[in-house]
């Protein structure tokens, strides 16, 4: 059975405990430094969205989105983070390459593009850098509000039943199926997986399902507890299916 370890800790402190190349593969999604704000919460200057009396953004539709205003994305990690990440892991997949390209050491030209299969306002795709290969590979999986992909094999097709949708607990949450696809294609049996910015915990669920040992760090207590609960809920559902 997979050994899943989640820590409410600064990943820079956590990585200090490991020897060089301890982890087989790091799959990480660090802050991009774009000052991301969830839907319904806006920057100063956006008309009525700024509470002049309190001197802070209004928390509009927070209950509906379940996202709270936080400032975790005000700046990207320092260069030291990437140096330490490459020290403790043999290989890396780093999301946000198009925003972090000036910080990631260019030891290969590998790219993974996640096509979200929508044409509305927002990010149409996300790009990850990797040292696993040279070239570009594409994964198509719909991720647009309530519209989510049918399966890994037919990700561009809306699965239809919204009751089957993944519940979003983080403003930049990635789907479990994205991580299942990454592990299926780029991880080997026995690999130890690292994620330095756990967020919603989607990667932990994917590692549990596929039997990979996993270590994840999340500095924000609320996100950490949400990811931990999400994983435990998933384990119970899996157990019920096989009982």
Protein backbone atom coordinates (compact mmCIF):
# COMPACT_ATOMS: atom_id res chain seq x y z
CA UNK A 1 0.00 0.00 0.00
CA UNK A 2 1.19 3.51 -0.81
CA UNK A 3 2.76 5.53 1.99
CA UNK A 4 1.23 9.01 1.85
CA UNK A 5 2.86 11.65 4.07
CA UNK A 6 1.39 15.16 4.26
CA UNK A 7 3.08 17.98 6.19
CA UNK A 8 1.82 21.40 7.25
CA UNK A 9 5.24 22.94 6.85
CA UNK A 10 7.36 25.25 4.72
CA UNK A 11 8.76 23.02 1.97
CA UNK A 12 12.17 24.74 2.20
CA UNK A 13 12.49 23.48 5.76
CA UNK A 14 11.10 20.07 4.84
CA UNK A 15 13.48 19.47 1.94
CA UNK A 16 16.49 20.08 4.21
CA UNK A 17 15.82 16.70 5.83
CA UNK A 18 16.46 14.74 2.66
CA UNK A 19 19.67 13.64 1.00
CA UNK A 20 20.55 14.43 -2.60
CA UNK A 21 18.22 12.77 -5.14
CA UNK A 22 16.10 11.16 -2.42
CA UNK A 23 12.89 11.49 -4.45
CA UNK A 24 12.47 9.84 -7.82
CA UNK A 25 10.15 12.50 -9.23
CA UNK A 26 8.99 15.92 -8.05
CA UNK A 27 5.67 17.09 -9.52
CA UNK A 28 5.13 20.62 -8.24
CA UNK A 29 2.82 23.58 -8.78
CA UNK A 30 4.45 26.53 -6.97
CA UNK A 31 3.02 30.08 -6.90
CA UNK A 32 3.45 31.80 -10.26
CA UNK A 33 3.64 35.29 -8.81
CA UNK A 34 0.59 36.52 -10.74
CA UNK A 35 -1.19 37.79 -7.59
CA UNK A 36 -4.07 35.42 -8.23
CA UNK A 37 -7.45 36.25 -6.72
CA UNK A 38 -10.40 33.83 -6.76
CA UNK A 39 -13.62 34.62 -8.56
CA UNK A 40 -15.66 37.18 -6.67
CA UNK A 41 -12.65 38.77 -4.92
CA UNK A 42 -10.93 41.63 -6.71
CA UNK A 43 -7.96 43.95 -6.51
CA UNK A 44 -8.08 47.53 -5.27
CA UNK A 45 -9.35 49.81 -7.99
CA UNK A 46 -12.06 47.51 -9.33
CA UNK A 47 -14.93 49.81 -8.37
CA UNK A 48 -17.24 48.49 -5.65
CA UNK A 49 -15.09 45.41 -5.06
CA UNK A 50 -12.85 47.41 -2.68
CA UNK A 51 -14.14 48.06 0.84
CA UNK A 52 -13.00 51.65 1.51
CA UNK A 53 -14.07 51.58 5.17
CA UNK A 54 -12.07 48.45 6.01
CA UNK A 55 -9.30 49.14 3.53
CA UNK A 56 -9.44 45.62 2.08
CA UNK A 57 -11.10 43.65 -0.78
CA UNK A 58 -14.73 42.73 -0.29
CA UNK A 59 -15.32 39.00 0.17
CA UNK A 60 -17.87 38.68 -2.62
CA UNK A 61 -19.32 35.22 -3.27
CA UNK A 62 -16.75 33.57 -1.03
CA UNK A 63 -19.33 31.09 0.31
CA UNK A 64 -20.31 30.10 -3.20
CA UNK A 65 -16.74 29.66 -4.41
CA UNK A 66 -15.43 28.31 -1.07
CA UNK A 67 -12.24 30.25 -1.75
CA UNK A 68 -10.85 32.80 0.68
CA UNK A 69 -8.78 35.83 -0.23
CA UNK A 70 -5.13 35.11 0.50
CA UNK A 71 -1.85 36.56 -0.70
CA UNK A 72 0.09 33.35 -1.36
CA UNK A 73 0.57 34.19 -5.06
CA UNK A 74 2.02 37.69 -4.69
CA UNK A 75 5.48 36.49 -5.76
CA UNK A 76 7.09 33.32 -7.10
CA UNK A 77 9.50 31.21 -5.05
CA UNK A 78 13.12 32.39 -4.90
CA UNK A 79 15.78 30.77 -7.08
CA UNK A 80 16.95 28.85 -4.00
CA UNK A 81 13.70 26.87 -4.04
CA UNK A 82 14.38 25.50 -7.51
CA UNK A 83 17.99 24.69 -6.64
CA UNK A 84 16.86 22.76 -3.56
CA UNK A 85 14.08 21.01 -5.49
CA UNK A 86 16.55 19.76 -8.10
CA UNK A 87 18.93 18.70 -5.33
CA UNK A 88 16.44 16.40 -3.57
CA UNK A 89 14.78 14.92 -6.69
CA UNK A 90 16.13 12.97 -9.64
CA UNK A 91 13.55 14.37 -12.07
CA UNK A 92 11.08 17.24 -12.02
CA UNK A 93 7.79 18.35 -13.56
CA UNK A 94 7.26 22.03 -12.68
CA UNK A 95 3.95 23.71 -13.54
CA UNK A 96 3.92 27.40 -14.45
CA UNK A 97 6.91 27.29 -16.80
CA UNK A 98 5.55 30.20 -18.83
CA UNK A 99 5.67 32.38 -15.70
CA UNK A 100 8.72 30.86 -13.99
CA UNK A 101 10.98 30.32 -17.01
CA UNK A 102 13.55 32.83 -15.74
CA UNK A 103 13.93 30.89 -12.47
CA UNK A 104 13.96 27.26 -13.64
CA UNK A 105 17.46 25.99 -14.52
CA UNK A 106 17.34 25.10 -18.22
CA UNK A 107 18.79 21.59 -18.19
CA UNK A 108 16.33 20.32 -20.81
CA UNK A 109 13.68 21.62 -23.20
CA UNK A 110 10.84 19.30 -22.18
CA UNK A 111 7.34 20.75 -21.92
CA UNK A 112 3.95 19.31 -20.94
CA UNK A 113 0.90 21.30 -22.04
CA UNK A 114 -2.44 20.81 -20.31
CA UNK A 115 -5.23 21.93 -22.67
CA UNK A 116 -8.29 22.79 -20.54
CA UNK A 117 -10.61 22.49 -23.55
CA UNK A 118 -12.53 25.72 -23.20
CA UNK A 119 -12.76 28.96 -25.15
CA UNK A 120 -14.06 31.32 -22.48
CA UNK A 121 -12.23 33.96 -20.47
CA UNK A 122 -9.25 32.73 -18.47
CA UNK A 123 -6.33 30.36 -18.88
CA UNK A 124 -6.87 28.04 -21.83
CA UNK A 125 -3.88 25.87 -20.99
CA UNK A 126 -1.06 25.46 -18.48
CA UNK A 127 2.55 24.58 -19.23
CA UNK A 128 4.97 22.51 -17.18
CA UNK A 129 8.72 22.23 -17.62
CA UNK A 130 10.36 18.83 -17.23
CA UNK A 131 13.79 17.27 -17.51
CA UNK A 132 12.31 13.87 -18.41
CA UNK A 133 12.48 14.43 -22.18
CA UNK A 134 13.03 17.01 -24.89
CA UNK A 135 10.01 18.12 -26.88
CA UNK A 136 6.36 18.83 -26.09
CA UNK A 137 3.55 16.50 -25.00
CA UNK A 138 -0.13 17.47 -24.80
CA UNK A 139 -2.83 16.35 -22.36
CA UNK A 140 -6.40 17.39 -23.13
CA UNK A 141 -8.80 17.47 -20.20
CA UNK A 142 -11.76 19.82 -19.80
CA UNK A 143 -11.58 21.99 -16.67
CA UNK A 144 -13.87 24.98 -16.92
CA UNK A 145 -16.11 25.75 -13.96
CA UNK A 146 -18.73 23.01 -13.72
CA UNK A 147 -17.53 21.47 -16.99
CA UNK A 148 -15.09 18.65 -16.31
CA UNK A 149 -13.66 15.98 -18.59
CA UNK A 150 -15.23 12.55 -19.02
CA UNK A 151 -12.06 10.50 -18.56
CA UNK A 152 -8.32 10.50 -19.16
CA UNK A 153 -8.91 8.94 -22.59
CA UNK A 154 -11.77 11.31 -23.49
CA UNK A 155 -10.85 14.40 -21.53
CA UNK A 156 -12.14 16.82 -24.17
CA UNK A 157 -15.69 15.48 -23.69
CA UNK A 158 -17.84 16.87 -20.86
CA UNK A 159 -18.64 13.97 -18.50
CA UNK A 160 -22.22 15.26 -18.11
CA UNK A 161 -23.12 14.31 -14.55
CA UNK A 162 -22.14 17.25 -12.34
CA UNK A 163 -22.58 15.07 -9.25
CA UNK A 164 -19.43 13.26 -10.34
CA UNK A 165 -17.42 16.48 -10.53
CA UNK A 166 -14.42 16.94 -8.28
CA UNK A 167 -15.24 19.33 -5.45
CA UNK A 168 -12.98 22.37 -5.65
CA UNK A 169 -11.35 23.43 -2.39
CA UNK A 170 -8.50 25.54 -3.80
CA UNK A 171 -8.59 28.45 -6.29
CA UNK A 172 -5.91 26.92 -8.56
CA UNK A 173 -6.89 23.28 -8.06
CA UNK A 174 -5.81 20.79 -10.71
CA UNK A 175 -7.84 17.65 -11.47
CA UNK A 176 -6.89 14.26 -10.07
CA UNK A 177 -7.01 12.84 -13.59
CA UNK A 178 -4.22 15.18 -14.68
CA UNK A 179 -1.95 13.69 -12.03
CA UNK A 180 -3.09 10.16 -12.84
CA UNK A 181 -2.04 10.80 -16.45
CA UNK A 182 1.33 12.22 -15.37
CA UNK A 183 2.05 9.26 -13.09
CA UNK A 184 0.94 6.75 -15.70
CA UNK A 185 3.23 8.23 -18.32
CA UNK A 186 6.23 9.51 -16.37
CA UNK A 187 6.57 7.56 -13.11
CA UNK A 188 7.85 4.01 -12.63
CA UNK A 189 6.87 1.39 -10.09
CA UNK A 190 8.65 2.07 -6.81
CA UNK A 191 9.17 5.78 -7.45
CA UNK A 192 8.89 8.17 -4.52
CA UNK A 193 6.94 11.29 -5.46
CA UNK A 194 7.36 14.80 -3.99
CA UNK A 195 5.05 17.82 -4.12
CA UNK A 196 6.21 20.99 -2.38
CA UNK A 197 2.93 22.91 -2.74
CA UNK A 198 0.12 20.45 -2.01
CA UNK A 199 -2.81 22.84 -2.42
CA UNK A 200 -6.00 20.80 -2.87
CA UNK A 201 -4.24 17.43 -2.55
CA UNK A 202 -5.18 16.12 -6.00
CA UNK A 203 -1.73 14.61 -6.48
CA UNK A 204 -1.95 12.79 -3.13
CA UNK A 205 -5.19 11.11 -4.23
CA UNK A 206 -3.61 10.10 -7.55
CA UNK A 207 -0.55 8.64 -5.80
CA UNK A 208 -2.78 6.72 -3.38
CA UNK A 209 -4.81 5.26 -6.24
CA UNK A 210 -1.73 4.23 -8.21
CA UNK A 211 0.30 2.96 -5.26
CA UNK A 212 3.12 5.51 -5.24
CA UNK A 213 4.80 6.62 -2.02
CA UNK A 214 4.21 10.34 -1.71
CA UNK A 215 5.44 13.27 0.37
CA UNK A 216 3.57 16.58 0.20
CA UNK A 217 4.09 19.95 1.87
CA UNK A 218 1.53 22.72 2.37
CA UNK A 219 2.39 25.80 4.44
CA UNK A 220 -1.20 27.08 4.71
CA UNK A 221 -3.04 25.29 7.54
CA UNK A 222 -6.52 25.64 5.99
CA UNK A 223 -5.39 24.21 2.65
CA UNK A 224 -3.45 21.45 4.42
CA UNK A 225 -6.48 20.41 6.47
CA UNK A 226 -8.72 20.58 3.40
CA UNK A 227 -6.36 18.39 1.36
CA UNK A 228 -5.98 15.92 4.22
CA UNK A 229 -9.77 15.63 4.64
CA UNK A 230 -10.23 15.26 0.91
CA UNK A 231 -7.75 12.36 0.85
CA UNK A 232 -9.37 10.64 3.84
CA UNK A 233 -12.83 11.01 2.28
CA UNK A 234 -11.49 9.46 -0.92
CA UNK A 235 -9.97 6.53 0.98
CA UNK A 236 -13.32 5.82 2.64
CA UNK A 237 -15.12 5.89 -0.69
CA UNK A 238 -12.59 3.50 -2.23
CA UNK A 239 -12.95 1.16 0.76
CA UNK A 240 -16.75 1.18 0.44
CA UNK A 241 -16.50 0.23 -3.24
CA UNK A 242 -14.38 -2.85 -2.49
CA UNK A 243 -16.20 -4.03 0.66
